[in-house]
Amino acid sequence: MKNYVSHALACNENRYLCKSIKQLIMAEKYKIPYLNACIRAFALRFNFSISVAFKYLFHFKGIAFLDEYYETEHLQSIDDAVDDLIVLCHKNGGQLV
């Protein structure tokens, strides 16, 4: 209870900070399902298992790309995101085209 009260007081003092924290939490809430959807779509495109697709994307920096550029990528279709992943992974040494 003490932590909740101190958090509430801090939020009243700095509403902008609390708003940014809430935005970060909401972004994280949707980021994981988005990453999951992209990995699954990538796996389907190349007829890979989800595990193999994840390992490939992780190795060739696709997962890091989706995480870093989530704010831009999630506004596009999943197919566009997969196309972006193919190009990025190829630039990082991946052989899929």
C-alpha atoms as a PDB file:
ATOM      1  CA  MET A   1       0.000   0.000   0.000  1.00  0.00           C
ATOM      2  CA  LYS A   2       2.834   2.343   0.829  1.00  0.00           C
ATOM      3  CA  ASN A   3       4.346   1.969  -2.661  1.00  0.00           C
ATOM      4  CA  TYR A   4       0.984   2.648  -4.285  1.00  0.00           C
ATOM      5  CA  VAL A   5       0.491   5.843  -2.250  1.00  0.00           C
ATOM      6  CA  SER A   6       3.995   7.111  -3.010  1.00  0.00           C
ATOM      7  CA  HIS A   7       3.483   6.304  -6.697  1.00  0.00           C
ATOM      8  CA  ALA A   8       0.142   8.145  -6.688  1.00  0.00           C
ATOM      9  CA  LEU A   9       1.750  11.181  -5.075  1.00  0.00           C
ATOM     10  CA  ALA A  10       4.569  11.143  -7.580  1.00  0.00           C
ATOM     11  CA  CYS A  11       2.054  10.927 -10.419  1.00  0.00           C
ATOM     12  CA  ASN A  12       0.142  13.921  -9.113  1.00  0.00           C
ATOM     13  CA  GLU A  13       3.364  15.912  -8.978  1.00  0.00           C
ATOM     14  CA  ASN A  14       4.506  14.961 -12.461  1.00  0.00           C
ATOM     15  CA  ARG A  15       1.587  13.990 -14.692  1.00  0.00           C
ATOM     16  CA  TYR A  16       3.658  14.092 -17.857  1.00  0.00           C
ATOM     17  CA  LEU A  17       6.086  11.506 -16.518  1.00  0.00           C
ATOM     18  CA  CYS A  18       3.248   9.175 -15.545  1.00  0.00           C
ATOM     19  CA  LYS A  19       1.656   9.604 -18.961  1.00  0.00           C
ATOM     20  CA  SER A  20       4.936   8.582 -20.626  1.00  0.00           C
ATOM     21  CA  ILE A  21       5.235   5.549 -18.363  1.00  0.00           C
ATOM     22  CA  LYS A  22       1.685   4.511 -19.260  1.00  0.00           C
ATOM     23  CA  GLN A  23       2.483   4.930 -22.964  1.00  0.00           C
ATOM     24  CA  LEU A  24       5.579   2.747 -22.599  1.00  0.00           C
ATOM     25  CA  ILE A  25       3.579   0.054 -20.826  1.00  0.00           C
ATOM     26  CA  MET A  26       0.911   0.107 -23.543  1.00  0.00           C
ATOM     27  CA  ALA A  27       3.546  -0.064 -26.281  1.00  0.00           C
ATOM     28  CA  GLU A  28       5.118  -3.110 -24.629  1.00  0.00           C
ATOM     29  CA  LYS A  29       1.688  -4.690 -24.240  1.00  0.00           C
ATOM     30  CA  TYR A  30       1.216  -4.723 -28.017  1.00  0.00           C
ATOM     31  CA  LYS A  31       4.829  -5.226 -29.067  1.00  0.00           C
ATOM     32  CA  ILE A  32       5.062  -8.890 -28.076  1.00  0.00           C
ATOM     33  CA  PRO A  33       1.970  -9.987 -30.059  1.00  0.00           C
ATOM     34  CA  TYR A  34       3.255  -7.964 -33.021  1.00  0.00           C
ATOM     35  CA  LEU A  35       6.686  -9.630 -32.871  1.00  0.00           C
ATOM     36  CA  ASN A  36       4.963 -12.996 -32.613  1.00  0.00           C
ATOM     37  CA  ALA A  37       2.799 -12.258 -35.660  1.00  0.00           C
ATOM     38  CA  CYS A  38       5.832 -11.182 -37.704  1.00  0.00           C
ATOM     39  CA  ILE A  39       7.815 -14.288 -36.779  1.00  0.00           C
ATOM     40  CA  ARG A  40       4.862 -16.527 -37.668  1.00  0.00           C
ATOM     41  CA  ALA A  41       4.328 -14.738 -41.001  1.00  0.00           C
ATOM     42  CA  PHE A  42       8.037 -15.054 -41.788  1.00  0.00           C
ATOM     43  CA  ALA A  43       7.874 -18.773 -40.964  1.00  0.00           C
ATOM     44  CA  LEU A  44       4.870 -19.227 -43.260  1.00  0.00           C
ATOM     45  CA  ARG A  45       6.512 -17.332 -46.116  1.00  0.00           C
ATOM     46  CA  PHE A  46       9.515 -19.684 -46.118  1.00  0.00           C
ATOM     47  CA  ASN A  47       7.771 -22.807 -44.838  1.00  0.00           C
ATOM     48  CA  PHE A  48       9.901 -22.802 -41.663  1.00  0.00           C
ATOM     49  CA  SER A  49       8.938 -23.853 -38.184  1.00  0.00           C
ATOM     50  CA  ILE A  50       8.387 -20.930 -35.837  1.00  0.00           C
ATOM     51  CA  SER A  51      11.504 -21.926 -33.904  1.00  0.00           C
ATOM     52  CA  VAL A  52      13.695 -21.918 -37.019  1.00  0.00           C
ATOM     53  CA  ALA A  53      12.213 -18.592 -38.166  1.00  0.00           C
ATOM     54  CA  PHE A  54      12.949 -17.034 -34.770  1.00  0.00           C
ATOM     55  CA  LYS A  55      16.531 -18.317 -34.751  1.00  0.00           C
ATOM     56  CA  TYR A  56      17.120 -17.017 -38.285  1.00  0.00           C
ATOM     57  CA  LEU A  57      15.635 -13.594 -37.495  1.00  0.00           C
ATOM     58  CA  PHE A  58      17.545 -13.369 -34.231  1.00  0.00           C
ATOM     59  CA  HIS A  59      20.849 -14.354 -35.855  1.00  0.00           C
ATOM     60  CA  PHE A  60      20.519 -11.868 -38.720  1.00  0.00           C
ATOM     61  CA  LYS A  61      19.257  -8.987 -36.506  1.00  0.00           C
ATOM     62  CA  GLY A  62      15.598  -9.114 -37.611  1.00  0.00           C
ATOM     63  CA  ILE A  63      14.238  -9.346 -34.063  1.00  0.00           C
ATOM     64  CA  ALA A  64      16.354  -6.385 -32.958  1.00  0.00           C
ATOM     65  CA  PHE A  65      15.082  -4.440 -35.985  1.00  0.00           C
ATOM     66  CA  LEU A  66      11.437  -5.135 -35.137  1.00  0.00           C
ATOM     67  CA  ASP A  67      12.028  -4.178 -31.526  1.00  0.00           C
ATOM     68  CA  GLU A  68      13.883  -0.964 -32.329  1.00  0.00           C
ATOM     69  CA  TYR A  69      11.569   0.201 -35.115  1.00  0.00           C
ATOM     70  CA  TYR A  70       8.289  -1.092 -33.702  1.00  0.00           C
ATOM     71  CA  GLU A  71       6.721   2.380 -33.699  1.00  0.00           C
ATOM     72  CA  THR A  72       7.139   2.612 -37.476  1.00  0.00           C
ATOM     73  CA  GLU A  73       6.834  -1.024 -38.513  1.00  0.00           C
ATOM     74  CA  HIS A  74       3.577  -1.780 -36.700  1.00  0.00           C
ATOM     75  CA  LEU A  75       1.816   0.837 -38.823  1.00  0.00           C
ATOM     76  CA  GLN A  76       2.496  -1.248 -41.936  1.00  0.00           C
ATOM     77  CA  SER A  77       1.005  -4.582 -42.895  1.00  0.00           C
ATOM     78  CA  ILE A  78       2.613  -7.754 -41.593  1.00  0.00           C
ATOM     79  CA  ASP A  79       3.534  -8.670 -45.183  1.00  0.00           C
ATOM     80  CA  ASP A  80       5.406  -5.369 -45.535  1.00  0.00           C
ATOM     81  CA  ALA A  81       7.203  -6.064 -42.263  1.00  0.00           C
ATOM     82  CA  VAL A  82       8.225  -9.516 -43.548  1.00  0.00           C
ATOM     83  CA  ASP A  83       9.508  -7.917 -46.752  1.00  0.00           C
ATOM     84  CA  ASP A  84      11.549  -5.474 -44.642  1.00  0.00           C
ATOM     85  CA  LEU A  85      12.910  -8.374 -42.571  1.00  0.00           C
ATOM     86  CA  ILE A  86      14.012 -10.222 -45.709  1.00  0.00           C
ATOM     87  CA  VAL A  87      15.947  -7.189 -46.959  1.00  0.00           C
ATOM     88  CA  LEU A  88      17.494  -6.489 -43.553  1.00  0.00           C
ATOM     89  CA  CYS A  89      18.525 -10.095 -42.936  1.00  0.00           C
ATOM     90  CA  HIS A  90      20.018 -10.297 -46.436  1.00  0.00           C
ATOM     91  CA  LYS A  91      22.099  -7.179 -45.703  1.00  0.00           C
ATOM     92  CA  ASN A  92      23.302  -8.889 -42.513  1.00  0.00           C
ATOM     93  CA  GLY A  93      24.394 -12.074 -44.286  1.00  0.00           C
ATOM     94  CA  GLY A  94      21.140 -14.016 -44.599  1.00  0.00           C
ATOM     95  CA  GLN A  95      20.694 -16.031 -47.771  1.00  0.00           C
ATOM     96  CA  LEU A  96      16.889 -15.957 -48.097  1.00  0.00           C
ATOM     97  CA  VAL A  97      15.470 -13.817 -50.862  1.00  0.00           C
END
